[in-house]
PDB file of N, CA and C in Angstrom:
ATOM      1  N   UNK A   1     -16.903 -47.422 -52.532  1.00  0.00           N
ATOM      2  CA  UNK A   1     -18.126 -46.819 -52.030  1.00  0.00           C
ATOM      3  C   UNK A   1     -19.265 -47.838 -52.039  1.00  0.00           C
ATOM      4  N   UNK A   2     -19.287 -48.710 -53.035  1.00  0.00           N
ATOM      5  CA  UNK A   2     -20.350 -49.712 -53.086  1.00  0.00           C
ATOM      6  C   UNK A   2     -20.300 -50.641 -51.889  1.00  0.00           C
ATOM      7  N   UNK A   3     -19.097 -50.984 -51.419  1.00  0.00           N
ATOM      8  CA  UNK A   3     -19.001 -51.858 -50.248  1.00  0.00           C
ATOM      9  C   UNK A   3     -19.522 -51.149 -49.001  1.00  0.00           C
ATOM     10  N   UNK A   4     -19.314 -49.847 -48.909  1.00  0.00           N
ATOM     11  CA  UNK A   4     -19.829 -49.077 -47.774  1.00  0.00           C
ATOM     12  C   UNK A   4     -21.347 -49.044 -47.822  1.00  0.00           C
ATOM     13  N   UNK A   5     -21.903 -48.765 -48.985  1.00  0.00           N
ATOM     14  CA  UNK A   5     -23.362 -48.695 -49.135  1.00  0.00           C
ATOM     15  C   UNK A   5     -23.992 -50.052 -48.836  1.00  0.00           C
ATOM     16  N   UNK A   6     -23.400 -51.135 -49.334  1.00  0.00           N
ATOM     17  CA  UNK A   6     -23.974 -52.457 -49.072  1.00  0.00           C
ATOM     18  C   UNK A   6     -23.860 -52.830 -47.599  1.00  0.00           C
ATOM     19  N   UNK A   7     -22.780 -52.429 -46.929  1.00  0.00           N
ATOM     20  CA  UNK A   7     -22.655 -52.682 -45.488  1.00  0.00           C
ATOM     21  C   UNK A   7     -23.740 -51.953 -44.710  1.00  0.00           C
ATOM     22  N   UNK A   8     -24.012 -50.715 -45.101  1.00  0.00           N
ATOM     23  CA  UNK A   8     -25.050 -49.939 -44.420  1.00  0.00           C
ATOM     24  C   UNK A   8     -26.408 -50.581 -44.648  1.00  0.00           C
ATOM     25  N   UNK A   9     -26.648 -51.096 -45.839  1.00  0.00           N
ATOM     26  CA  UNK A   9     -27.915 -51.780 -46.113  1.00  0.00           C
ATOM     27  C   UNK A   9     -28.082 -53.001 -45.223  1.00  0.00           C
ATOM     28  N   UNK A  10     -26.977 -53.620 -44.816  1.00  0.00           N
ATOM     29  CA  UNK A  10     -27.009 -54.789 -43.940  1.00  0.00           C
ATOM     30  C   UNK A  10     -26.927 -54.392 -42.464  1.00  0.00           C
ATOM     31  N   UNK A  11     -27.084 -53.108 -42.178  1.00  0.00           N
ATOM     32  CA  UNK A  11     -27.072 -52.574 -40.811  1.00  0.00           C
ATOM     33  C   UNK A  11     -25.702 -52.714 -40.147  1.00  0.00           C
ATOM     34  N   UNK A  12     -24.649 -52.679 -40.942  1.00  0.00           N
ATOM     35  CA  UNK A  12     -23.275 -52.753 -40.450  1.00  0.00           C
ATOM     36  C   UNK A  12     -22.643 -51.377 -40.603  1.00  0.00           C
ATOM     37  N   UNK A  13     -22.369 -50.722 -39.493  1.00  0.00           N
ATOM     38  CA  UNK A  13     -21.754 -49.398 -39.546  1.00  0.00           C
ATOM     39  C   UNK A  13     -20.270 -49.474 -39.203  1.00  0.00           C
ATOM     40  N   UNK A  14     -19.854 -50.542 -38.529  1.00  0.00           N
ATOM     41  CA  UNK A  14     -18.456 -50.680 -38.112  1.00  0.00           C
ATOM     42  C   UNK A  14     -17.529 -50.759 -39.323  1.00  0.00           C
ATOM     43  N   UNK A  15     -17.875 -51.568 -40.306  1.00  0.00           N
ATOM     44  CA  UNK A  15     -17.011 -51.707 -41.491  1.00  0.00           C
ATOM     45  C   UNK A  15     -16.847 -50.383 -42.244  1.00  0.00           C
ATOM     46  N   UNK A  16     -17.943 -49.652 -42.526  1.00  0.00           N
ATOM     47  CA  UNK A  16     -17.760 -48.351 -43.180  1.00  0.00           C
ATOM     48  C   UNK A  16     -16.934 -47.367 -42.344  1.00  0.00           C
ATOM     49  N   UNK A  17     -17.108 -47.404 -41.027  1.00  0.00           N
ATOM     50  CA  UNK A  17     -16.299 -46.525 -40.175  1.00  0.00           C
ATOM     51  C   UNK A  17     -14.818 -46.836 -40.338  1.00  0.00           C
ATOM     52  N   UNK A  18     -14.486 -48.109 -40.308  1.00  0.00           N
ATOM     53  CA  UNK A  18     -13.077 -48.496 -40.470  1.00  0.00           C
ATOM     54  C   UNK A  18     -12.544 -48.067 -41.829  1.00  0.00           C
ATOM     55  N   UNK A  19     -13.332 -48.292 -42.880  1.00  0.00           N
ATOM     56  CA  UNK A  19     -12.894 -47.901 -44.223  1.00  0.00           C
ATOM     57  C   UNK A  19     -12.676 -46.394 -44.325  1.00  0.00           C
ATOM     58  N   UNK A  20     -13.617 -45.620 -43.785  1.00  0.00           N
ATOM     59  CA  UNK A  20     -13.474 -44.158 -43.838  1.00  0.00           C
ATOM     60  C   UNK A  20     -12.277 -43.675 -43.019  1.00  0.00           C
ATOM     61  N   UNK A  21     -12.087 -44.254 -41.848  1.00  0.00           N
ATOM     62  CA  UNK A  21     -10.941 -43.859 -41.011  1.00  0.00           C
ATOM     63  C   UNK A  21      -9.618 -44.196 -41.693  1.00  0.00           C
ATOM     64  N   UNK A  22      -9.544 -45.362 -42.313  1.00  0.00           N
ATOM     65  CA  UNK A  22      -8.321 -45.734 -43.033  1.00  0.00           C
ATOM     66  C   UNK A  22      -8.074 -44.821 -44.232  1.00  0.00           C
ATOM     67  N   UNK A  23      -9.134 -44.487 -44.957  1.00  0.00           N
ATOM     68  CA  UNK A  23      -8.992 -43.587 -46.109  1.00  0.00           C
ATOM     69  C   UNK A  23      -8.536 -42.201 -45.662  1.00  0.00           C
ATOM     70  N   UNK A  24      -9.085 -41.730 -44.572  1.00  0.00           N
ATOM     71  CA  UNK A  24      -8.671 -40.415 -44.068  1.00  0.00           C
ATOM     72  C   UNK A  24      -7.225 -40.430 -43.604  1.00  0.00           C
ATOM     73  N   UNK A  25      -6.799 -41.522 -43.015  1.00  0.00           N
ATOM     74  CA  UNK A  25      -5.398 -41.621 -42.593  1.00  0.00           C
ATOM     75  C   UNK A  25      -4.476 -41.533 -43.813  1.00  0.00           C
ATOM     76  N   UNK A  26      -4.855 -42.200 -44.907  1.00  0.00           N
ATOM     77  CA  UNK A  26      -4.062 -42.122 -46.139  1.00  0.00           C
ATOM     78  C   UNK A  26      -4.024 -40.700 -46.673  1.00  0.00           C
ATOM     79  N   UNK A  27      -5.184 -40.032 -46.681  1.00  0.00           N
ATOM     80  CA  UNK A  27      -5.247 -38.659 -47.185  1.00  0.00           C
ATOM     81  C   UNK A  27      -4.473 -37.707 -46.275  1.00  0.00           C
ATOM     82  N   UNK A  28      -4.507 -37.950 -44.979  1.00  0.00           N
ATOM     83  CA  UNK A  28      -3.774 -37.113 -44.037  1.00  0.00           C
ATOM     84  C   UNK A  28      -2.274 -37.240 -44.289  1.00  0.00           C
ATOM     85  N   UNK A  29      -1.823 -38.454 -44.616  1.00  0.00           N
ATOM     86  CA  UNK A  29      -0.411 -38.675 -44.935  1.00  0.00           C
ATOM     87  C   UNK A  29       0.007 -37.922 -46.188  1.00  0.00           C
ATOM     88  N   UNK A  30      -0.960 -37.651 -47.078  1.00  0.00           N
ATOM     89  CA  UNK A  30      -0.679 -36.912 -48.319  1.00  0.00           C
ATOM     90  C   UNK A  30      -0.820 -35.403 -48.134  1.00  0.00           C
ATOM     91  N   UNK A  31      -1.134 -34.964 -46.922  1.00  0.00           N
ATOM     92  CA  UNK A  31      -1.182 -33.539 -46.643  1.00  0.00           C
ATOM     93  C   UNK A  31      -2.558 -32.930 -46.496  1.00  0.00           C
ATOM     94  N   UNK A  32      -3.619 -33.686 -46.735  1.00  0.00           N
ATOM     95  CA  UNK A  32      -4.963 -33.132 -46.577  1.00  0.00           C
ATOM     96  C   UNK A  32      -5.280 -33.056 -45.089  1.00  0.00           C
ATOM     97  N   UNK A  33      -5.803 -31.911 -44.655  1.00  0.00           N
ATOM     98  CA  UNK A  33      -6.038 -31.728 -43.222  1.00  0.00           C
ATOM     99  C   UNK A  33      -7.493 -31.431 -42.870  1.00  0.00           C
ATOM    100  N   UNK A  34      -8.312 -31.085 -43.849  1.00  0.00           N
ATOM    101  CA  UNK A  34      -9.705 -30.728 -43.552  1.00  0.00           C
ATOM    102  C   UNK A  34     -10.654 -31.787 -44.104  1.00  0.00           C
ATOM    103  N   UNK A  35     -11.549 -32.249 -43.236  1.00  0.00           N
ATOM    104  CA  UNK A  35     -12.506 -33.279 -43.611  1.00  0.00           C
ATOM    105  C   UNK A  35     -13.870 -32.936 -43.024  1.00  0.00           C
ATOM    106  N   UNK A  36     -14.928 -33.474 -43.649  1.00  0.00           N
ATOM    107  CA  UNK A  36     -16.243 -33.453 -43.017  1.00  0.00           C
ATOM    108  C   UNK A  36     -16.186 -34.427 -41.849  1.00  0.00           C
ATOM    109  N   UNK A  37     -17.140 -34.322 -40.940  1.00  0.00           N
ATOM    110  CA  UNK A  37     -17.162 -35.270 -39.826  1.00  0.00           C
ATOM    111  C   UNK A  37     -17.482 -36.668 -40.352  1.00  0.00           C
ATOM    112  N   UNK A  38     -16.971 -37.652 -39.648  1.00  0.00           N
ATOM    113  CA  UNK A  38     -17.250 -39.046 -40.001  1.00  0.00           C
ATOM    114  C   UNK A  38     -18.755 -39.296 -39.923  1.00  0.00           C
ATOM    115  N   UNK A  39     -19.402 -38.744 -38.893  1.00  0.00           N
ATOM    116  CA  UNK A  39     -20.846 -38.933 -38.746  1.00  0.00           C
ATOM    117  C   UNK A  39     -21.586 -38.390 -39.968  1.00  0.00           C
ATOM    118  N   UNK A  40     -21.179 -37.225 -40.449  1.00  0.00           N
ATOM    119  CA  UNK A  40     -21.825 -36.638 -41.630  1.00  0.00           C
ATOM    120  C   UNK A  40     -21.667 -37.548 -42.839  1.00  0.00           C
ATOM    121  N   UNK A  41     -20.477 -38.096 -43.017  1.00  0.00           N
ATOM    122  CA  UNK A  41     -20.245 -38.987 -44.145  1.00  0.00           C
ATOM    123  C   UNK A  41     -21.083 -40.262 -44.037  1.00  0.00           C
ATOM    124  N   UNK A  42     -21.142 -40.855 -42.839  1.00  0.00           N
ATOM    125  CA  UNK A  42     -21.939 -42.071 -42.645  1.00  0.00           C
ATOM    126  C   UNK A  42     -23.418 -41.770 -42.854  1.00  0.00           C
ATOM    127  N   UNK A  43     -23.891 -40.639 -42.350  1.00  0.00           N
ATOM    128  CA  UNK A  43     -25.295 -40.278 -42.529  1.00  0.00           C
ATOM    129  C   UNK A  43     -25.625 -40.079 -44.006  1.00  0.00           C
ATOM    130  N   UNK A  44     -24.754 -39.384 -44.731  1.00  0.00           N
ATOM    131  CA  UNK A  44     -24.966 -39.194 -46.169  1.00  0.00           C
ATOM    132  C   UNK A  44     -25.014 -40.540 -46.896  1.00  0.00           C
ATOM    133  N   UNK A  45     -24.073 -41.422 -46.589  1.00  0.00           N
ATOM    134  CA  UNK A  45     -24.052 -42.722 -47.244  1.00  0.00           C
ATOM    135  C   UNK A  45     -25.272 -43.559 -46.862  1.00  0.00           C
ATOM    136  N   UNK A  46     -25.779 -43.362 -45.648  1.00  0.00           N
ATOM    137  CA  UNK A  46     -27.015 -44.035 -45.240  1.00  0.00           C
ATOM    138  C   UNK A  46     -28.186 -43.537 -46.076  1.00  0.00           C
ATOM    139  N   UNK A  47     -28.236 -42.240 -46.320  1.00  0.00           N
ATOM    140  CA  UNK A  47     -29.283 -41.680 -47.173  1.00  0.00           C
ATOM    141  C   UNK A  47     -29.193 -42.263 -48.584  1.00  0.00           C
ATOM    142  N   UNK A  48     -27.970 -42.398 -49.093  1.00  0.00           N
ATOM    143  CA  UNK A  48     -27.780 -42.968 -50.422  1.00  0.00           C
ATOM    144  C   UNK A  48     -28.236 -44.426 -50.444  1.00  0.00           C
ATOM    145  N   UNK A  49     -27.865 -45.179 -49.399  1.00  0.00           N
ATOM    146  CA  UNK A  49     -28.152 -46.614 -49.374  1.00  0.00           C
ATOM    147  C   UNK A  49     -29.632 -46.911 -49.161  1.00  0.00           C
ATOM    148  N   UNK A  50     -30.269 -46.159 -48.265  1.00  0.00           N
ATOM    149  CA  UNK A  50     -31.619 -46.520 -47.837  1.00  0.00           C
ATOM    150  C   UNK A  50     -32.699 -45.510 -48.203  1.00  0.00           C
ATOM    151  N   UNK A  51     -32.294 -44.298 -48.511  1.00  0.00           N
ATOM    152  CA  UNK A  51     -33.268 -43.229 -48.741  1.00  0.00           C
ATOM    153  C   UNK A  51     -33.529 -42.471 -47.447  1.00  0.00           C
ATOM    154  N   UNK A  52     -33.691 -41.185 -47.568  1.00  0.00           N
ATOM    155  CA  UNK A  52     -33.837 -40.324 -46.399  1.00  0.00           C
ATOM    156  C   UNK A  52     -35.074 -40.673 -45.565  1.00  0.00           C
ATOM    157  N   UNK A  53     -36.158 -41.051 -46.215  1.00  0.00           N
ATOM    158  CA  UNK A  53     -37.402 -41.336 -45.502  1.00  0.00           C
ATOM    159  C   UNK A  53     -37.358 -42.644 -44.721  1.00  0.00           C
ATOM    160  N   UNK A  54     -36.398 -43.498 -45.030  1.00  0.00           N
ATOM    161  CA  UNK A  54     -36.321 -44.819 -44.388  1.00  0.00           C
ATOM    162  C   UNK A  54     -35.390 -44.838 -43.174  1.00  0.00           C
ATOM    163  N   UNK A  55     -34.871 -43.699 -42.774  1.00  0.00           N
ATOM    164  CA  UNK A  55     -33.889 -43.670 -41.691  1.00  0.00           C
ATOM    165  C   UNK A  55     -34.482 -42.964 -40.474  1.00  0.00           C
ATOM    166  N   UNK A  56     -34.403 -43.637 -39.336  1.00  0.00           N
ATOM    167  CA  UNK A  56     -34.755 -43.044 -38.051  1.00  0.00           C
ATOM    168  C   UNK A  56     -33.492 -42.356 -37.528  1.00  0.00           C
ATOM    169  N   UNK A  57     -33.455 -41.042 -37.567  1.00  0.00           N
ATOM    170  CA  UNK A  57     -32.230 -40.310 -37.241  1.00  0.00           C
ATOM    171  C   UNK A  57     -31.759 -40.551 -35.817  1.00  0.00           C
ATOM    172  N   UNK A  58     -32.683 -40.663 -34.881  1.00  0.00           N
ATOM    173  CA  UNK A  58     -32.300 -40.934 -33.496  1.00  0.00           C
ATOM    174  C   UNK A  58     -31.623 -42.284 -33.362  1.00  0.00           C
ATOM    175  N   UNK A  59     -32.203 -43.303 -33.986  1.00  0.00           N
ATOM    176  CA  UNK A  59     -31.607 -44.629 -33.956  1.00  0.00           C
ATOM    177  C   UNK A  59     -30.274 -44.634 -34.689  1.00  0.00           C
ATOM    178  N   UNK A  60     -30.202 -43.944 -35.819  1.00  0.00           N
ATOM    179  CA  UNK A  60     -28.960 -43.872 -36.593  1.00  0.00           C
ATOM    180  C   UNK A  60     -27.846 -43.277 -35.747  1.00  0.00           C
ATOM    181  N   UNK A  61     -28.142 -42.226 -34.995  1.00  0.00           N
ATOM    182  CA  UNK A  61     -27.130 -41.600 -34.147  1.00  0.00           C
ATOM    183  C   UNK A  61     -26.669 -42.569 -33.071  1.00  0.00           C
ATOM    184  N   UNK A  62     -27.592 -43.242 -32.403  1.00  0.00           N
ATOM    185  CA  UNK A  62     -27.214 -44.192 -31.357  1.00  0.00           C
ATOM    186  C   UNK A  62     -26.396 -45.347 -31.925  1.00  0.00           C
ATOM    187  N   UNK A  63     -26.793 -45.858 -33.071  1.00  0.00           N
ATOM    188  CA  UNK A  63     -26.062 -46.950 -33.710  1.00  0.00           C
ATOM    189  C   UNK A  63     -24.661 -46.483 -34.110  1.00  0.00           C
ATOM    190  N   UNK A  64     -24.554 -45.270 -34.616  1.00  0.00           N
ATOM    191  CA  UNK A  64     -23.252 -44.713 -34.991  1.00  0.00           C
ATOM    192  C   UNK A  64     -22.361 -44.583 -33.763  1.00  0.00           C
ATOM    193  N   UNK A  65     -22.903 -44.054 -32.669  1.00  0.00           N
ATOM    194  CA  UNK A  65     -22.111 -43.866 -31.450  1.00  0.00           C
ATOM    195  C   UNK A  65     -21.597 -45.215 -30.944  1.00  0.00           C
ATOM    196  N   UNK A  66     -22.455 -46.223 -30.894  1.00  0.00           N
ATOM    197  CA  UNK A  66     -22.030 -47.557 -30.465  1.00  0.00           C
ATOM    198  C   UNK A  66     -20.920 -48.101 -31.367  1.00  0.00           C
ATOM    199  N   UNK A  67     -21.090 -47.949 -32.664  1.00  0.00           N
ATOM    200  CA  UNK A  67     -20.092 -48.442 -33.615  1.00  0.00           C
ATOM    201  C   UNK A  67     -18.785 -47.677 -33.480  1.00  0.00           C
ATOM    202  N   UNK A  68     -18.870 -46.371 -33.314  1.00  0.00           N
ATOM    203  CA  UNK A  68     -17.670 -45.540 -33.173  1.00  0.00           C
ATOM    204  C   UNK A  68     -16.895 -45.937 -31.924  1.00  0.00           C
ATOM    205  N   UNK A  69     -17.608 -46.137 -30.820  1.00  0.00           N
ATOM    206  CA  UNK A  69     -16.942 -46.539 -29.577  1.00  0.00           C
ATOM    207  C   UNK A  69     -16.284 -47.901 -29.740  1.00  0.00           C
ATOM    208  N   UNK A  70     -16.928 -48.806 -30.463  1.00  0.00           N
ATOM    209  CA  UNK A  70     -16.344 -50.130 -30.713  1.00  0.00           C
ATOM    210  C   UNK A  70     -15.052 -50.001 -31.516  1.00  0.00           C
ATOM    211  N   UNK A  71     -15.072 -49.215 -32.577  1.00  0.00           N
ATOM    212  CA  UNK A  71     -13.879 -49.035 -33.409  1.00  0.00           C
ATOM    213  C   UNK A  71     -12.777 -48.350 -32.607  1.00  0.00           C
ATOM    214  N   UNK A  72     -13.122 -47.343 -31.816  1.00  0.00           N
ATOM    215  CA  UNK A  72     -12.116 -46.646 -31.011  1.00  0.00           C
ATOM    216  C   UNK A  72     -11.499 -47.591 -29.988  1.00  0.00           C
ATOM    217  N   UNK A  73     -12.314 -48.447 -29.392  1.00  0.00           N
ATOM    218  CA  UNK A  73     -11.818 -49.409 -28.409  1.00  0.00           C
ATOM    219  C   UNK A  73     -10.852 -50.407 -29.055  1.00  0.00           C
ATOM    220  N   UNK A  74     -11.195 -50.884 -30.231  1.00  0.00           N
ATOM    221  CA  UNK A  74     -10.352 -51.844 -30.944  1.00  0.00           C
ATOM    222  C   UNK A  74      -9.033 -51.195 -31.339  1.00  0.00           C
ATOM    223  N   UNK A  75      -9.077 -49.948 -31.773  1.00  0.00           N
ATOM    224  CA  UNK A  75      -7.840 -49.264 -32.196  1.00  0.00           C
ATOM    225  C   UNK A  75      -6.919 -48.968 -31.023  1.00  0.00           C
ATOM    226  N   UNK A  76      -7.476 -48.790 -29.819  1.00  0.00           N
ATOM    227  CA  UNK A  76      -6.653 -48.493 -28.647  1.00  0.00           C
ATOM    228  C   UNK A  76      -6.051 -49.726 -27.998  1.00  0.00           C
ATOM    229  N   UNK A  77      -6.518 -50.903 -28.382  1.00  0.00           N
ATOM    230  CA  UNK A  77      -5.997 -52.149 -27.778  1.00  0.00           C
ATOM    231  C   UNK A  77      -4.706 -52.597 -28.427  1.00  0.00           C
TER     232      UNK A  77
END
């Protein structure tokens, strides 16, 4: 979790997305089927890393979407 928080502090959302997706894949293999949305998890971790007052939610959403599309594109190649 510390690596995710430090990545978010450095404005890197791609690395935390990959880590969360890999962790969910492991949990899915163990039979867990229900998860919060990835966006919710990234937003929560952003609040932890930076504080709620320091986050522009509109920018955070756009940055998340760009990062998500990048990760999805890499996984499909």
